[in-house]
Every structure is written in C-alpha cells, then in structure tokens.
C-alpha cells in the first residue's frame, strides 16, 4: 500500500467534510437558534362556567314562561364568542326554527353602528363631527337661529340637539320621505341649545346619513357594508327592507292578543327611511362578531380610538323608572355617540342600547373593564326582555367579584 498517496487523499476528504458542515450552518445566525414557542390557545369558557350555567337556566326559563316565539342571544368574553344560542320559531304556528343566521330587525340598536361609522369617517377626515350641520347642508333650517348655526354632527349623534324629543317620529311612521322631513325641521320645537340637554331623536340622527353620502358619493348602506359589515364577516347584515326579505330565513314580527297569546303580524318597512337610526338587519352570528369588535378585538376595523370616542359621555340622561327598577343599583345614565352609558353604584360601567320596532325587541350591552358582552334579539316583544341585560350584567359582576383568581389566571396565561 502506498501511504504517500493515502495521506494526501485523507487530507482532501477531511477538508471537504469541514466545508460541507459549514455550508449546512445557516448564514448570519448563531448555531443555537431559539425558535419561537407556538402560541397556546386559551379557552376562557371554563373561567365563567358556573355563571354561564346559571344564566342559561335563567334566560331559558324566561323565554319559556313568557312564551317568547323566537329569540337568539350571544355572549362574548375576553374576545371569545362563548355562546351563540337560537331559540324558538321564526313564525308562530310553523315549524320554522330560529337559527344562528336568522335575520332580526335591530331597530334602535342600529344607532351604535351609526356612531361607529361616523367616528371612522371623522378619523379618516372624510367629515368632521364638530363641524356645523349647516356647513354641509346649507338649506338646513331650525326654528331658532342659534341652534341652526351651531348644531354639529356630534350633537346629533349624542342626542343633544336641543329639539323636542322624538321630533317627526309620527312622520316616519306615516311614511313621509326624508326630503319632506328635512324641509320641515324648521317647525320643530326647541327646548335648549345644542349640547345642553338630552332629547332622543330618530329623524335628526340621520342627518349623518345625508352628510356621509354628500361627502363620499356613496349611500350609508354602501359605506356600512364596505367599512363595517364585510370587514367583520357580518355576512347576513344589511340595511334595507328588500334585503331583509330577499331570502326566507328572517324572523316575522309578532304581537300579543288580549289573552296574552302571540300572533304573527304583517311585515312593514317603517323606519328603513332612517337607516342608521333604526334600519339595520342582522343575525345573532353577525351580532356576536359585532360585540367582539366593540370590545377591541378587531382593531383593524374598529380601533380603540373609535371605541373610546363612541363610548364617551356627552350628555346626562334621565333614568326612567323601569331602568332604575331593572338595574336596581344605577348611579347615572348618559349618552355617547349612538350608545347609552350606564354606571352602577358599585362603579360598573356598561355600554348599552335597546331597540324596539313593531314586533321586535332587542338589547346589546358590554362592559369594557370586565371584558364581557351580551346581545339579545327577539321577534315577540315582552316587558321581561328589558330585564335580561341588567340581570346578566349584575349577576356577572357578583360572580366575578367573588372569584378574583380567575382574572389573575387569565393574565398569567397570556404572559
């Protein structure tokens, strides 16, 4: 064997192995790479399981005992959709069950959508909430010159216009056009200067719709679809009577007879003439996504800046007897941009709105500090439905106050 030939050959092989090993090493990175740990999904349902069981028993008892024809509710907790529950029938006397995609008319719960869209356009500098209405609509006339010249969109959306409450609601009910109502704002009685007192409006609220259309060239229905519904995946939501009835999965309106039995009433298109005040249609699947966004879990669609703006108090409101009775511990009640703000004597702050239009009764509420939200839709109005949101929020506060370690557990899990 010729060792003189073998030794150089071994040297060549050794150098080649070293070069190959170095090629396998990633360039510009240390050998001991620290790989990112896979994000662990935290299911928050078990944190509030006893509360969920108790509330489920309560609401099912209400729905059955009060013979509510059809309903649906959803619960969102810490950004997660915990419960989406349909109940009953779309129409009494049929076998057509409510499901998670059944459409309900939201009535005045629509105003929360209007407030959010207005705030989005404000921050996009498409319009200015603090600009005078007359700057956008020069033909706008009110009975008092001062109110006419100083009324802003922020006043309109926060229900602090100074006009007598519910101005022109009978006109809306009677089917008057927006043009006719706009031309007659000048006859509405005025009780105060803008921003000084609360007075609930529907027709005036939709001055925003006209201004948004004027500034963008798009209808408010198109703006809502493209800026809110579609980005949030609210695939069932719409803002017209035609869209409400285009399919067959919608809840019929119901009324009660003198004997207390529910019967289906005729569909009507009242209040679709004021879209952001009372014209949104949505399913419970849609509304659970809407709740998530309102609680800060869709920041690319609804930023924290927008949420804070619409949930800011602009005017104090009276506390009706029924509200005081249902909440039991209410300290004050205020209005934001399309939202009511309820503060309890224990310091819990709830952002809320109800809605009623012939045959439908709805409620939505969320508590940002406790990251809990609830929405309830029904097609058989009953006075007991106004008790459901206060019962939900008050019982949740009692539950969460007694088990603080759950809140700590979640924070640690996210670290």
Protein backbone atom coordinates (compact mmCIF):
# COMPACT_ATOMS: atom_id res chain seq x y z
CA UNK A 1 0.00 0.00 0.00
CA UNK A 2 1.35 3.42 -0.96
CA UNK A 3 0.98 5.61 2.17
CA UNK A 4 2.36 8.60 0.31
CA UNK A 5 -0.82 8.63 -1.80
CA UNK A 6 -3.24 7.81 1.03
CA UNK A 7 -2.25 10.66 3.37
CA UNK A 8 -2.95 13.48 0.83
CA UNK A 9 -6.25 11.77 -0.04
CA UNK A 10 -7.33 11.73 3.63
CA UNK A 11 -6.42 15.40 3.96
CA UNK A 12 -8.61 16.25 0.96
CA UNK A 13 -11.55 14.25 2.38
CA UNK A 14 -11.20 15.95 5.80
CA UNK A 15 -11.18 19.45 4.28
CA UNK A 16 -14.20 18.56 2.15
CA UNK A 17 -16.17 17.39 5.22
CA UNK A 18 -15.42 20.62 7.08
CA UNK A 19 -16.59 22.69 4.10
CA UNK A 20 -19.82 20.68 3.80
CA UNK A 21 -20.53 21.11 7.51
CA UNK A 22 -20.05 24.87 7.28
CA UNK A 23 -22.43 25.05 4.31
CA UNK A 24 -25.15 23.41 6.41
CA UNK A 25 -24.84 26.14 9.06
CA UNK A 26 -27.39 28.98 8.38
CA UNK A 27 -25.64 32.18 7.35
CA UNK A 28 -25.51 35.13 9.76
CA UNK A 29 -27.26 33.16 12.53
CA UNK A 30 -25.84 31.60 15.69
CA UNK A 31 -25.75 27.82 15.88
CA UNK A 32 -28.04 27.68 18.90
CA UNK A 33 -31.18 29.31 17.37
CA UNK A 34 -34.01 29.97 19.85
CA UNK A 35 -37.20 29.02 17.97
CA UNK A 36 -40.41 30.88 18.89
CA UNK A 37 -42.79 28.89 21.01
CA UNK A 38 -46.11 28.07 19.39
CA UNK A 39 -48.91 30.32 20.67
CA UNK A 40 -51.12 28.44 23.07
CA UNK A 41 -54.88 28.91 22.69
CA UNK A 42 -56.56 29.78 25.97
CA UNK A 43 -60.22 28.78 26.21
CA UNK A 44 -61.87 31.19 28.64
CA UNK A 45 -65.19 29.35 28.81
CA UNK A 46 -64.26 27.37 31.91
CA UNK A 47 -63.38 30.54 33.81
CA UNK A 48 -67.05 31.51 33.86
CA UNK A 49 -68.68 28.09 33.54
CA UNK A 50 -70.77 28.33 36.78
CA UNK A 51 -72.03 31.78 35.73
CA UNK A 52 -72.88 30.54 32.22
CA UNK A 53 -74.82 27.58 33.59
CA UNK A 54 -76.77 29.78 35.97
CA UNK A 55 -77.58 32.42 33.36
CA UNK A 56 -78.56 29.82 30.77
CA UNK A 57 -81.07 28.37 33.22
CA UNK A 58 -82.43 31.85 33.97
CA UNK A 59 -82.88 33.00 30.35
CA UNK A 60 -84.37 29.71 29.18
CA UNK A 61 -86.90 29.94 31.99
CA UNK A 62 -87.83 33.48 30.92
CA UNK A 63 -88.21 32.52 27.26
CA UNK A 64 -90.38 29.50 28.06
CA UNK A 65 -92.52 31.06 30.81
CA UNK A 66 -93.21 34.21 28.78
CA UNK A 67 -93.90 32.11 25.67
CA UNK A 68 -91.46 34.14 23.55
CA UNK A 69 -91.95 32.98 19.95
CA UNK A 70 -88.39 33.40 18.67
CA UNK A 71 -85.14 34.74 20.08
CA UNK A 72 -81.37 34.41 20.00
CA UNK A 73 -78.57 35.53 22.27
CA UNK A 74 -74.79 35.59 22.31
CA UNK A 75 -72.11 36.05 24.97
CA UNK A 76 -68.58 37.30 24.28
CA UNK A 77 -65.90 37.05 26.96
CA UNK A 78 -62.31 38.27 26.63
CA UNK A 79 -62.65 38.38 22.88
CA UNK A 80 -64.04 34.87 22.51
CA UNK A 81 -67.56 34.05 21.37
CA UNK A 82 -68.60 31.85 24.28
CA UNK A 83 -72.26 31.25 23.46
CA UNK A 84 -74.46 31.69 20.38
CA UNK A 85 -77.90 30.32 21.19
CA UNK A 86 -81.04 30.43 18.99
CA UNK A 87 -84.47 29.74 20.47
CA UNK A 88 -87.96 29.08 19.19
CA UNK A 89 -89.60 29.86 15.87
CA UNK A 90 -89.32 32.43 13.13
CA UNK A 91 -93.12 32.46 12.89
CA UNK A 92 -95.70 31.15 15.33
CA UNK A 93 -97.76 28.23 14.07
CA UNK A 94 -94.96 26.91 11.84
CA UNK A 95 -92.02 24.59 12.33
CA UNK A 96 -89.52 27.16 11.06
CA UNK A 97 -86.89 27.31 13.78
CA UNK A 98 -84.68 30.30 14.50
CA UNK A 99 -81.03 29.51 13.75
CA UNK A 100 -77.82 31.49 14.12
CA UNK A 101 -78.30 33.09 10.67
CA UNK A 102 -81.96 34.11 11.11
CA UNK A 103 -82.36 37.84 10.45
CA UNK A 104 -83.93 40.16 13.01
CA UNK A 105 -84.65 43.87 12.69
CA UNK A 106 -82.39 45.69 15.16
CA UNK A 107 -84.45 48.89 15.45
CA UNK A 108 -82.57 51.47 17.58
CA UNK A 109 -79.68 49.10 18.25
CA UNK A 110 -78.76 50.37 14.75
CA UNK A 111 -77.62 53.67 16.27
CA UNK A 112 -74.47 52.03 17.64
CA UNK A 113 -73.49 51.18 14.06
CA UNK A 114 -74.15 54.77 13.02
CA UNK A 115 -71.94 56.13 15.79
CA UNK A 116 -69.06 53.83 14.88
CA UNK A 117 -69.26 54.60 11.15
CA UNK A 118 -69.39 58.34 11.85
CA UNK A 119 -66.33 58.12 14.08
CA UNK A 120 -64.45 56.12 11.41
CA UNK A 121 -65.20 58.76 8.78
CA UNK A 122 -64.23 61.51 11.23
CA UNK A 123 -60.80 59.97 11.85
CA UNK A 124 -60.35 59.36 8.13
CA UNK A 125 -61.00 63.11 7.72
CA UNK A 126 -63.91 62.44 5.38
CA UNK A 127 -66.12 64.56 7.62
CA UNK A 128 -65.82 66.43 10.89
CA UNK A 129 -68.09 65.58 13.80
CA UNK A 130 -67.56 69.06 15.24
CA UNK A 131 -68.40 70.94 12.07
CA UNK A 132 -71.74 72.73 12.00
CA UNK A 133 -74.50 70.88 10.15
CA UNK A 134 -75.24 73.95 8.07
CA UNK A 135 -71.70 73.87 6.66
CA UNK A 136 -72.56 70.57 4.98
CA UNK A 137 -76.27 71.21 4.37
CA UNK A 138 -76.77 74.94 3.66
CA UNK A 139 -80.55 74.52 3.32
CA UNK A 140 -80.85 73.14 6.87
CA UNK A 141 -83.29 75.28 8.88
CA UNK A 142 -84.33 75.27 12.54
CA UNK A 143 -86.79 77.40 14.48
CA UNK A 144 -84.04 79.17 16.41
CA UNK A 145 -81.18 80.81 14.54
CA UNK A 146 -78.58 80.00 17.20
CA UNK A 147 -79.36 76.26 17.13
CA UNK A 148 -79.42 76.29 13.35
CA UNK A 149 -75.97 77.87 13.13
CA UNK A 150 -74.24 75.88 15.88
CA UNK A 151 -75.70 72.35 15.77
CA UNK A 152 -72.96 69.80 15.00
CA UNK A 153 -72.91 66.14 14.00
CA UNK A 154 -71.57 65.30 17.45
CA UNK A 155 -74.66 66.94 18.97
CA UNK A 156 -76.92 64.98 16.62
CA UNK A 157 -75.33 61.58 17.27
CA UNK A 158 -75.16 62.15 21.04
CA UNK A 159 -78.88 63.05 21.23
CA UNK A 160 -78.13 66.55 22.50
CA UNK A 161 -79.58 68.64 19.64
CA UNK A 162 -81.90 70.73 21.81
CA UNK A 163 -85.01 69.77 19.81
CA UNK A 164 -88.08 68.31 21.50
CA UNK A 165 -87.62 64.54 21.86
CA UNK A 166 -88.89 62.24 19.09
CA UNK A 167 -89.44 65.09 16.66
CA UNK A 168 -91.01 63.70 13.46
CA UNK A 169 -91.32 60.10 14.64
CA UNK A 170 -95.03 60.18 13.68
CA UNK A 171 -93.95 61.37 10.22
CA UNK A 172 -91.57 58.41 9.89
CA UNK A 173 -94.34 56.05 10.99
CA UNK A 174 -96.63 57.56 8.36
CA UNK A 175 -94.13 57.05 5.57
CA UNK A 176 -93.06 60.63 4.89
CA UNK A 177 -89.92 60.92 2.76
CA UNK A 178 -86.61 62.12 4.17
CA UNK A 179 -86.84 65.15 1.89
CA UNK A 180 -90.21 66.15 3.36
CA UNK A 181 -88.93 65.75 6.92
CA UNK A 182 -85.72 67.67 6.17
CA UNK A 183 -87.71 70.59 4.77
CA UNK A 184 -89.81 70.70 7.94
CA UNK A 185 -87.11 70.61 10.62
CA UNK A 186 -87.70 74.37 10.79
CA UNK A 187 -91.05 73.81 12.53
CA UNK A 188 -89.69 71.53 15.28
CA UNK A 189 -89.92 72.99 18.76
CA UNK A 190 -86.66 73.63 20.58
CA UNK A 191 -86.09 73.29 24.32
CA UNK A 192 -82.41 74.17 24.70
CA UNK A 193 -79.14 75.00 22.99
CA UNK A 194 -77.14 72.18 21.36
CA UNK A 195 -75.12 70.10 23.82
CA UNK A 196 -77.03 71.27 26.88
CA UNK A 197 -79.62 68.54 27.37
CA UNK A 198 -80.66 65.10 26.22
CA UNK A 199 -83.53 64.66 23.74
CA UNK A 200 -83.85 61.39 21.83
CA UNK A 201 -84.22 61.64 18.04
CA UNK A 202 -84.57 59.34 15.03
CA UNK A 203 -85.14 61.63 12.05
CA UNK A 204 -82.50 64.14 13.12
CA UNK A 205 -80.00 61.34 13.86
CA UNK A 206 -79.97 60.54 10.16
CA UNK A 207 -78.62 63.92 9.14
CA UNK A 208 -75.41 61.92 9.40
CA UNK A 209 -76.62 59.65 6.57
CA UNK A 210 -77.14 62.63 4.27
CA UNK A 211 -73.78 64.19 5.11
CA UNK A 212 -71.91 60.90 4.69
CA UNK A 213 -73.48 60.46 1.25
CA UNK A 214 -72.67 64.05 0.31
CA UNK A 215 -69.02 63.72 1.37
CA UNK A 216 -68.32 60.31 -0.19
CA UNK A 217 -70.77 59.85 -3.05
CA UNK A 218 -71.85 56.53 -1.51
CA UNK A 219 -75.04 55.70 0.35
CA UNK A 220 -74.77 54.98 4.05
CA UNK A 221 -75.83 51.41 3.27
CA UNK A 222 -72.82 51.01 0.96
CA UNK A 223 -70.48 52.66 3.46
CA UNK A 224 -71.66 50.43 6.28
CA UNK A 225 -71.33 47.30 4.17
CA UNK A 226 -67.81 48.12 2.99
CA UNK A 227 -66.46 49.66 6.23
CA UNK A 228 -68.13 47.52 8.90
CA UNK A 229 -70.20 44.52 7.79
CA UNK A 230 -67.82 42.98 5.25
CA UNK A 231 -64.55 43.51 7.18
CA UNK A 232 -66.08 41.96 10.31
CA UNK A 233 -67.52 39.00 8.42
CA UNK A 234 -71.12 40.02 9.18
CA UNK A 235 -72.37 38.17 6.11
CA UNK A 236 -76.08 38.32 6.99
CA UNK A 237 -76.25 42.03 7.86
CA UNK A 238 -77.99 44.64 5.71
CA UNK A 239 -79.88 47.94 5.92
CA UNK A 240 -82.94 47.73 3.66
CA UNK A 241 -86.36 46.10 3.75
CA UNK A 242 -85.67 44.39 0.43
CA UNK A 243 -82.51 42.76 1.81
CA UNK A 244 -84.37 41.70 4.94
CA UNK A 245 -86.96 39.77 2.95
CA UNK A 246 -84.87 38.61 -0.02
CA UNK A 247 -84.41 35.13 1.47
CA UNK A 248 -86.70 33.09 3.70
CA UNK A 249 -84.59 32.99 6.87
CA UNK A 250 -85.98 36.03 8.68
CA UNK A 251 -87.99 36.35 11.88
CA UNK A 252 -91.58 37.52 11.49
CA UNK A 253 -92.84 40.26 13.82
CA UNK A 254 -95.36 39.27 16.49
CA UNK A 255 -97.85 40.99 18.77
CA UNK A 256 -99.83 39.82 21.79
CA UNK A 257 -103.56 39.33 21.90
CA UNK A 258 -105.68 40.36 24.88
CA UNK A 259 -105.44 36.79 26.10
CA UNK A 260 -101.66 37.03 26.07
CA UNK A 261 -101.06 34.80 23.07
CA UNK A 262 -98.69 35.84 20.30
CA UNK A 263 -99.75 36.09 16.67
CA UNK A 264 -97.72 36.99 13.58
CA UNK A 265 -98.23 40.48 12.16
CA UNK A 266 -97.59 41.82 8.68
CA UNK A 267 -94.06 42.79 7.72
CA UNK A 268 -93.64 46.53 7.31
CA UNK A 269 -90.90 48.82 6.06
CA UNK A 270 -91.30 51.60 8.63
CA UNK A 271 -88.03 53.14 9.90
CA UNK A 272 -85.92 51.91 7.00
CA UNK A 273 -86.13 55.55 5.87
CA UNK A 274 -83.77 56.36 8.78
CA UNK A 275 -81.12 53.67 8.22
CA UNK A 276 -78.54 54.42 10.92
CA UNK A 277 -81.25 55.25 13.43
CA UNK A 278 -83.28 52.06 13.05
CA UNK A 279 -82.62 50.26 9.75
CA UNK A 280 -80.01 47.56 10.40
CA UNK A 281 -80.92 43.87 9.97
CA UNK A 282 -78.63 41.23 11.44
CA UNK A 283 -78.41 37.66 12.71
CA UNK A 284 -77.08 36.56 16.07
CA UNK A 285 -73.99 35.23 14.26
CA UNK A 286 -73.40 38.78 12.98
CA UNK A 287 -74.01 40.36 16.37
CA UNK A 288 -71.52 38.13 18.15
CA UNK A 289 -68.84 39.41 15.73
CA UNK A 290 -70.03 42.97 16.28
CA UNK A 291 -69.62 42.51 20.04
CA UNK A 292 -66.08 41.21 19.58
CA UNK A 293 -65.18 44.30 17.56
CA UNK A 294 -66.75 46.69 20.08
CA UNK A 295 -64.66 45.09 22.81
CA UNK A 296 -61.44 45.80 20.94
CA UNK A 297 -60.78 42.50 19.16
CA UNK A 298 -60.93 43.79 15.57
CA UNK A 299 -58.62 46.84 15.79
CA UNK A 300 -58.02 46.95 12.04
CA UNK A 301 -61.76 47.60 11.59
CA UNK A 302 -62.71 49.43 14.79
CA UNK A 303 -59.75 50.97 16.59
CA UNK A 304 -59.53 51.69 20.31
CA UNK A 305 -59.70 55.40 19.43
CA UNK A 306 -63.10 54.90 17.80
CA UNK A 307 -64.38 52.73 20.64
CA UNK A 308 -63.35 55.31 23.21
CA UNK A 309 -64.96 58.11 21.23
CA UNK A 310 -68.36 56.47 20.78
CA UNK A 311 -68.38 55.30 24.43
CA UNK A 312 -67.54 58.72 25.82
CA UNK A 313 -70.30 60.52 27.72
CA UNK A 314 -71.58 63.67 26.03
CA UNK A 315 -74.80 64.31 27.94
CA UNK A 316 -76.56 63.06 31.08
CA UNK A 317 -79.94 61.43 30.54
CA UNK A 318 -82.89 60.90 32.86
CA UNK A 319 -83.23 57.49 34.49
CA UNK A 320 -86.70 56.10 33.74
CA UNK A 321 -88.49 54.17 36.46
CA UNK A 322 -88.27 50.89 34.53
CA UNK A 323 -84.49 51.31 34.11
CA UNK A 324 -84.00 52.06 37.80
CA UNK A 325 -86.23 49.12 38.70
CA UNK A 326 -84.44 46.64 36.43
CA UNK A 327 -80.89 47.66 37.30
CA UNK A 328 -81.61 48.28 40.97
CA UNK A 329 -78.29 49.98 41.63
CA UNK A 330 -77.90 52.55 38.88
CA UNK A 331 -75.92 55.71 39.68
CA UNK A 332 -76.20 57.60 36.40
CA UNK A 333 -77.18 57.20 32.77
CA UNK A 334 -75.55 59.05 29.88
CA UNK A 335 -75.36 59.06 26.09
CA UNK A 336 -72.34 58.69 23.80
CA UNK A 337 -72.35 58.52 20.00
CA UNK A 338 -75.26 56.18 19.37
CA UNK A 339 -74.74 54.41 22.72
CA UNK A 340 -76.16 54.63 26.21
CA UNK A 341 -73.73 54.52 29.12
CA UNK A 342 -74.92 53.10 32.44
CA UNK A 343 -72.83 53.37 35.59
CA UNK A 344 -73.89 51.40 38.64
CA UNK A 345 -73.39 52.50 42.24
CA UNK A 346 -70.69 49.84 42.52
CA UNK A 347 -68.77 51.51 39.69
CA UNK A 348 -69.51 49.05 36.87
CA UNK A 349 -69.70 50.88 33.53
CA UNK A 350 -71.90 49.29 30.87
CA UNK A 351 -72.23 50.44 27.26
CA UNK A 352 -75.73 49.55 26.16
CA UNK A 353 -78.62 50.17 23.76
CA UNK A 354 -82.07 48.75 23.28
CA UNK A 355 -84.26 48.72 20.22
CA UNK A 356 -87.96 48.36 19.54
CA UNK A 357 -89.89 48.45 16.29
CA UNK A 358 -93.27 46.81 15.73
CA UNK A 359 -92.83 43.13 16.50
CA UNK A 360 -89.13 43.14 17.50
CA UNK A 361 -87.30 43.82 20.77
CA UNK A 362 -83.51 43.76 21.12
CA UNK A 363 -80.77 44.59 23.61
CA UNK A 364 -76.98 44.82 23.42
CA UNK A 365 -74.52 45.59 26.22
CA UNK A 366 -70.86 45.23 27.06
CA UNK A 367 -68.59 46.11 29.95
CA UNK A 368 -65.11 47.05 28.66
CA UNK A 369 -63.43 46.81 32.06
CA UNK A 370 -64.67 43.26 32.68
CA UNK A 371 -64.43 42.19 29.02
CA UNK A 372 -67.92 40.73 28.94
CA UNK A 373 -70.64 41.38 26.38
CA UNK A 374 -74.17 40.19 25.70
CA UNK A 375 -76.72 40.62 22.90
CA UNK A 376 -80.35 39.52 22.78
CA UNK A 377 -82.71 39.52 19.78
CA UNK A 378 -86.40 38.62 19.74
CA UNK A 379 -89.44 38.75 17.47
CA UNK A 380 -92.04 38.73 20.25
CA UNK A 381 -91.77 41.87 22.41
CA UNK A 382 -92.34 41.34 26.10
CA UNK A 383 -91.63 43.64 29.02
CA UNK A 384 -89.49 40.95 30.63
CA UNK A 385 -86.89 41.30 27.86
CA UNK A 386 -85.84 44.64 29.33
CA UNK A 387 -84.83 42.77 32.49
CA UNK A 388 -82.43 40.37 30.75
CA UNK A 389 -79.44 42.70 30.24
CA UNK A 390 -79.47 44.08 33.81
CA UNK A 391 -79.83 40.52 35.13
CA UNK A 392 -76.88 39.41 33.01
CA UNK A 393 -74.56 42.26 33.97
CA UNK A 394 -75.43 42.38 37.65
CA UNK A 395 -75.15 38.63 38.13
CA UNK A 396 -71.86 38.54 36.23
CA UNK A 397 -70.42 41.28 38.45
CA UNK A 398 -71.42 39.37 41.57
CA UNK A 399 -69.84 36.22 40.19
CA UNK A 400 -66.57 37.80 39.06
CA UNK A 401 -66.19 39.74 42.32
CA UNK A 402 -66.34 36.56 44.36
CA UNK A 403 -63.78 34.66 42.27
CA UNK A 404 -60.96 37.12 41.53
CA UNK A 405 -58.40 34.35 40.95
CA UNK A 406 -59.96 33.67 37.56
CA UNK A 407 -58.97 37.14 36.39
CA UNK A 408 -55.39 36.62 37.61
CA UNK A 409 -55.25 33.21 35.99
CA UNK A 410 -56.01 34.66 32.58
CA UNK A 411 -53.41 37.42 32.85
CA UNK A 412 -50.73 34.88 33.81
CA UNK A 413 -51.70 32.59 30.95
CA UNK A 414 -51.10 35.38 28.44
CA UNK A 415 -47.64 36.32 29.76
